[in-house]
């Protein structure tokens, strides 16, 4: 069953609002992923530095 809109442009306004919510959600997901990638990169670098200090300390 089709939805009948009584207000002109209401359908377009609702479609636009939904698209904005989806875009915001996607942007939040991308930001979280970038932060996670950065944290993983820093953790890997820290492990590498710790390993180097262990090697130097045992030599």
PDB file of N, CA and C in Angstrom:
ATOM      1  N   UNK A   1       0.840  -1.174   0.000  1.00  0.00           N
ATOM      2  CA  UNK A   1       0.000   0.000   0.000  1.00  0.00           C
ATOM      3  C   UNK A   1       0.891   1.245   0.000  1.00  0.00           C
ATOM      4  N   UNK A   2       0.572   2.157  -0.849  1.00  0.00           N
ATOM      5  CA  UNK A   2       1.344   3.390  -0.956  1.00  0.00           C
ATOM      6  C   UNK A   2       0.955   4.357   0.150  1.00  0.00           C
ATOM      7  N   UNK A   3       1.930   5.147   0.575  1.00  0.00           N
ATOM      8  CA  UNK A   3       1.672   6.169   1.589  1.00  0.00           C
ATOM      9  C   UNK A   3       1.251   7.446   0.879  1.00  0.00           C
ATOM     10  N   UNK A   4       0.179   8.042   1.348  1.00  0.00           N
ATOM     11  CA  UNK A   4      -0.302   9.290   0.768  1.00  0.00           C
ATOM     12  C   UNK A   4       0.165  10.435   1.660  1.00  0.00           C
ATOM     13  N   UNK A   5       0.862  11.380   1.068  1.00  0.00           N
ATOM     14  CA  UNK A   5       1.370  12.535   1.806  1.00  0.00           C
ATOM     15  C   UNK A   5       0.445  13.721   1.580  1.00  0.00           C
ATOM     16  N   UNK A   6       0.002  14.318   2.673  1.00  0.00           N
ATOM     17  CA  UNK A   6      -0.917  15.450   2.564  1.00  0.00           C
ATOM     18  C   UNK A   6      -0.175  16.777   2.446  1.00  0.00           C
ATOM     19  N   UNK A   7       1.084  16.801   2.869  1.00  0.00           N
ATOM     20  CA  UNK A   7       1.866  18.034   2.815  1.00  0.00           C
ATOM     21  C   UNK A   7       2.778  17.967   1.591  1.00  0.00           C
ATOM     22  N   UNK A   8       2.724  18.990   0.744  1.00  0.00           N
ATOM     23  CA  UNK A   8       3.607  18.983  -0.433  1.00  0.00           C
ATOM     24  C   UNK A   8       5.075  18.876  -0.006  1.00  0.00           C
ATOM     25  N   UNK A   9       5.818  18.102  -0.722  1.00  0.00           N
ATOM     26  CA  UNK A   9       7.254  17.902  -0.503  1.00  0.00           C
ATOM     27  C   UNK A   9       7.576  17.144   0.781  1.00  0.00           C
ATOM     28  N   UNK A  10       6.572  16.617   1.482  1.00  0.00           N
ATOM     29  CA  UNK A  10       6.837  15.880   2.716  1.00  0.00           C
ATOM     30  C   UNK A  10       7.657  14.626   2.424  1.00  0.00           C
ATOM     31  N   UNK A  11       7.312  13.928   1.349  1.00  0.00           N
ATOM     32  CA  UNK A  11       8.042  12.715   0.998  1.00  0.00           C
ATOM     33  C   UNK A  11       9.508  13.038   0.741  1.00  0.00           C
ATOM     34  N   UNK A  12       9.754  14.105  -0.017  1.00  0.00           N
ATOM     35  CA  UNK A  12      11.133  14.505  -0.309  1.00  0.00           C
ATOM     36  C   UNK A  12      11.871  14.908   0.958  1.00  0.00           C
ATOM     37  N   UNK A  13      11.187  15.611   1.849  1.00  0.00           N
ATOM     38  CA  UNK A  13      11.812  16.035   3.105  1.00  0.00           C
ATOM     39  C   UNK A  13      12.160  14.824   3.964  1.00  0.00           C
ATOM     40  N   UNK A  14      11.259  13.846   4.021  1.00  0.00           N
ATOM     41  CA  UNK A  14      11.528  12.636   4.801  1.00  0.00           C
ATOM     42  C   UNK A  14      12.671  11.832   4.186  1.00  0.00           C
ATOM     43  N   UNK A  15      12.683  11.741   2.865  1.00  0.00           N
ATOM     44  CA  UNK A  15      13.768  11.032   2.179  1.00  0.00           C
ATOM     45  C   UNK A  15      15.101  11.701   2.469  1.00  0.00           C
ATOM     46  N   UNK A  16      15.128  13.013   2.409  1.00  0.00           N
ATOM     47  CA  UNK A  16      16.352  13.760   2.689  1.00  0.00           C
ATOM     48  C   UNK A  16      16.801  13.553   4.137  1.00  0.00           C
ATOM     49  N   UNK A  17      15.852  13.568   5.066  1.00  0.00           N
ATOM     50  CA  UNK A  17      16.186  13.360   6.479  1.00  0.00           C
ATOM     51  C   UNK A  17      16.771  11.965   6.698  1.00  0.00           C
ATOM     52  N   UNK A  18      16.194  10.966   6.052  1.00  0.00           N
ATOM     53  CA  UNK A  18      16.718   9.596   6.174  1.00  0.00           C
ATOM     54  C   UNK A  18      18.127   9.514   5.609  1.00  0.00           C
ATOM     55  N   UNK A  19      18.353  10.136   4.474  1.00  0.00           N
ATOM     56  CA  UNK A  19      19.700  10.125   3.874  1.00  0.00           C
ATOM     57  C   UNK A  19      20.718  10.799   4.786  1.00  0.00           C
ATOM     58  N   UNK A  20      20.310  11.886   5.444  1.00  0.00           N
ATOM     59  CA  UNK A  20      21.223  12.574   6.372  1.00  0.00           C
ATOM     60  C   UNK A  20      21.590  11.671   7.547  1.00  0.00           C
ATOM     61  N   UNK A  21      20.607  10.959   8.068  1.00  0.00           N
ATOM     62  CA  UNK A  21      20.866  10.043   9.185  1.00  0.00           C
ATOM     63  C   UNK A  21      21.820   8.939   8.745  1.00  0.00           C
ATOM     64  N   UNK A  22      21.591   8.399   7.566  1.00  0.00           N
ATOM     65  CA  UNK A  22      22.469   7.339   7.051  1.00  0.00           C
ATOM     66  C   UNK A  22      23.879   7.869   6.859  1.00  0.00           C
ATOM     67  N   UNK A  23      24.009   9.069   6.286  1.00  0.00           N
ATOM     68  CA  UNK A  23      25.343   9.663   6.088  1.00  0.00           C
ATOM     69  C   UNK A  23      26.046   9.880   7.415  1.00  0.00           C
ATOM     70  N   UNK A  24      25.320  10.381   8.412  1.00  0.00           N
ATOM     71  CA  UNK A  24      25.915  10.616   9.733  1.00  0.00           C
ATOM     72  C   UNK A  24      26.360   9.296  10.356  1.00  0.00           C
ATOM     73  N   UNK A  25      25.544   8.272  10.201  1.00  0.00           N
ATOM     74  CA  UNK A  25      25.893   6.956  10.732  1.00  0.00           C
ATOM     75  C   UNK A  25      27.141   6.417  10.046  1.00  0.00           C
ATOM     76  N   UNK A  26      27.206   6.569   8.739  1.00  0.00           N
ATOM     77  CA  UNK A  26      28.386   6.117   7.995  1.00  0.00           C
ATOM     78  C   UNK A  26      29.625   6.890   8.421  1.00  0.00           C
ATOM     79  N   UNK A  27      29.490   8.191   8.618  1.00  0.00           N
ATOM     80  CA  UNK A  27      30.629   9.011   9.044  1.00  0.00           C
ATOM     81  C   UNK A  27      31.111   8.584  10.429  1.00  0.00           C
ATOM     82  N   UNK A  28      30.182   8.274  11.327  1.00  0.00           N
ATOM     83  CA  UNK A  28      30.566   7.805  12.664  1.00  0.00           C
ATOM     84  C   UNK A  28      31.297   6.471  12.575  1.00  0.00           C
ATOM     85  N   UNK A  29      30.805   5.597  11.714  1.00  0.00           N
ATOM     86  CA  UNK A  29      31.457   4.291  11.543  1.00  0.00           C
ATOM     87  C   UNK A  29      32.876   4.465  11.003  1.00  0.00           C
ATOM     88  N   UNK A  30      33.039   5.334  10.021  1.00  0.00           N
ATOM     89  CA  UNK A  30      34.362   5.589   9.446  1.00  0.00           C
ATOM     90  C   UNK A  30      35.293   6.177  10.498  1.00  0.00           C
ATOM     91  N   UNK A  31      34.799   7.117  11.299  1.00  0.00           N
ATOM     92  CA  UNK A  31      35.628   7.729  12.349  1.00  0.00           C
ATOM     93  C   UNK A  31      36.054   6.694  13.385  1.00  0.00           C
ATOM     94  N   UNK A  32      35.112   5.821  13.785  1.00  0.00           N
ATOM     95  CA  UNK A  32      35.468   4.761  14.742  1.00  0.00           C
ATOM     96  C   UNK A  32      36.514   3.823  14.151  1.00  0.00           C
ATOM     97  N   UNK A  33      36.348   3.476  12.882  1.00  0.00           N
ATOM     98  CA  UNK A  33      37.294   2.565  12.224  1.00  0.00           C
ATOM     99  C   UNK A  33      38.680   3.211  12.138  1.00  0.00           C
ATOM    100  N   UNK A  34      38.733   4.489  11.792  1.00  0.00           N
ATOM    101  CA  UNK A  34      40.031   5.183  11.718  1.00  0.00           C
ATOM    102  C   UNK A  34      40.702   5.232  13.086  1.00  0.00           C
ATOM    103  N   UNK A  35      39.918   5.502  14.124  1.00  0.00           N
ATOM    104  CA  UNK A  35      40.474   5.543  15.484  1.00  0.00           C
ATOM    105  C   UNK A  35      40.997   4.170  15.886  1.00  0.00           C
ATOM    106  N   UNK A  36      40.255   3.124  15.548  1.00  0.00           N
ATOM    107  CA  UNK A  36      40.695   1.761  15.854  1.00  0.00           C
ATOM    108  C   UNK A  36      41.971   1.421  15.089  1.00  0.00           C
ATOM    109  N   UNK A  37      42.021   1.783  13.812  1.00  0.00           N
ATOM    110  CA  UNK A  37      43.224   1.542  13.009  1.00  0.00           C
ATOM    111  C   UNK A  37      44.431   2.254  13.608  1.00  0.00           C
ATOM    112  N   UNK A  38      44.233   3.491  14.050  1.00  0.00           N
ATOM    113  CA  UNK A  38      45.327   4.260  14.646  1.00  0.00           C
ATOM    114  C   UNK A  38      45.781   3.616  15.953  1.00  0.00           C
ATOM    115  N   UNK A  39      44.835   3.168  16.767  1.00  0.00           N
ATOM    116  CA  UNK A  39      45.187   2.509  18.029  1.00  0.00           C
ATOM    117  C   UNK A  39      45.957   1.218  17.767  1.00  0.00           C
ATOM    118  N   UNK A  40      45.523   0.458  16.772  1.00  0.00           N
ATOM    119  CA  UNK A  40      46.227  -0.782  16.424  1.00  0.00           C
ATOM    120  C   UNK A  40      47.638  -0.481  15.915  1.00  0.00           C
ATOM    121  N   UNK A  41      47.764   0.584  15.115  1.00  0.00           N
ATOM    122  CA  UNK A  41      49.077   0.960  14.587  1.00  0.00           C
ATOM    123  C   UNK A  41      50.015   1.360  15.723  1.00  0.00           C
ATOM    124  N   UNK A  42      49.512   2.153  16.668  1.00  0.00           N
ATOM    125  CA  UNK A  42      50.337   2.571  17.801  1.00  0.00           C
ATOM    126  C   UNK A  42      50.714   1.385  18.689  1.00  0.00           C
ATOM    127  N   UNK A  43      49.785   0.457  18.887  1.00  0.00           N
ATOM    128  CA  UNK A  43      50.077  -0.730  19.695  1.00  0.00           C
ATOM    129  C   UNK A  43      51.162  -1.573  19.030  1.00  0.00           C
ATOM    130  N   UNK A  44      51.102  -1.717  17.718  1.00  0.00           N
ATOM    131  CA  UNK A  44      52.120  -2.481  16.995  1.00  0.00           C
ATOM    132  C   UNK A  44      53.475  -1.791  17.099  1.00  0.00           C
ATOM    133  N   UNK A  45      53.488  -0.462  16.990  1.00  0.00           N
ATOM    134  CA  UNK A  45      54.740   0.277  17.103  1.00  0.00           C
ATOM    135  C   UNK A  45      55.321   0.120  18.511  1.00  0.00           C
ATOM    136  N   UNK A  46      54.474   0.167  19.530  1.00  0.00           N
ATOM    137  CA  UNK A  46      54.928   0.000  20.907  1.00  0.00           C
ATOM    138  C   UNK A  46      55.517  -1.394  21.120  1.00  0.00           C
ATOM    139  N   UNK A  47      54.865  -2.415  20.575  1.00  0.00           N
ATOM    140  CA  UNK A  47      55.409  -3.775  20.680  1.00  0.00           C
ATOM    141  C   UNK A  47      56.777  -3.860  20.011  1.00  0.00           C
ATOM    142  N   UNK A  48      56.923  -3.209  18.876  1.00  0.00           N
ATOM    143  CA  UNK A  48      58.197  -3.204  18.151  1.00  0.00           C
ATOM    144  C   UNK A  48      59.290  -2.524  18.982  1.00  0.00           C
ATOM    145  N   UNK A  49      58.960  -1.391  19.593  1.00  0.00           N
ATOM    146  CA  UNK A  49      59.927  -0.663  20.422  1.00  0.00           C
ATOM    147  C   UNK A  49      60.288  -1.485  21.650  1.00  0.00           C
ATOM    148  N   UNK A  50      59.296  -2.104  22.289  1.00  0.00           N
ATOM    149  CA  UNK A  50      59.572  -2.949  23.458  1.00  0.00           C
ATOM    150  C   UNK A  50      60.498  -4.102  23.088  1.00  0.00           C
ATOM    151  N   UNK A  51      60.270  -4.696  21.929  1.00  0.00           N
ATOM    152  CA  UNK A  51      61.116  -5.788  21.462  1.00  0.00           C
ATOM    153  C   UNK A  51      62.546  -5.297  21.243  1.00  0.00           C
ATOM    154  N   UNK A  52      62.686  -4.112  20.660  1.00  0.00           N
ATOM    155  CA  UNK A  52      64.016  -3.554  20.413  1.00  0.00           C
ATOM    156  C   UNK A  52      64.739  -3.297  21.735  1.00  0.00           C
ATOM    157  N   UNK A  53      64.033  -2.756  22.728  1.00  0.00           N
ATOM    158  CA  UNK A  53      64.659  -2.517  24.032  1.00  0.00           C
ATOM    159  C   UNK A  53      65.040  -3.831  24.714  1.00  0.00           C
ATOM    160  N   UNK A  54      64.238  -4.853  24.536  1.00  0.00           N
ATOM    161  CA  UNK A  54      64.552  -6.162  25.110  1.00  0.00           C
ATOM    162  C   UNK A  54      65.828  -6.719  24.494  1.00  0.00           C
ATOM    163  N   UNK A  55      65.950  -6.582  23.183  1.00  0.00           N
ATOM    164  CA  UNK A  55      67.150  -7.069  22.488  1.00  0.00           C
ATOM    165  C   UNK A  55      68.370  -6.286  22.937  1.00  0.00           C
ATOM    166  N   UNK A  56      68.250  -4.958  23.012  1.00  0.00           N
ATOM    167  CA  UNK A  56      69.377  -4.110  23.423  1.00  0.00           C
ATOM    168  C   UNK A  56      69.735  -4.396  24.878  1.00  0.00           C
ATOM    169  N   UNK A  57      68.734  -4.567  25.726  1.00  0.00           N
ATOM    170  CA  UNK A  57      68.974  -4.812  27.145  1.00  0.00           C
ATOM    171  C   UNK A  57      69.642  -6.149  27.410  1.00  0.00           C
ATOM    172  N   UNK A  58      69.383  -7.138  26.576  1.00  0.00           N
ATOM    173  CA  UNK A  58      69.971  -8.462  26.789  1.00  0.00           C
ATOM    174  C   UNK A  58      71.343  -8.591  26.147  1.00  0.00           C
ATOM    175  N   UNK A  59      71.731  -7.637  25.331  1.00  0.00           N
ATOM    176  CA  UNK A  59      73.027  -7.725  24.631  1.00  0.00           C
ATOM    177  C   UNK A  59      74.178  -7.274  25.496  1.00  0.00           C
TER     178      UNK A  59
END
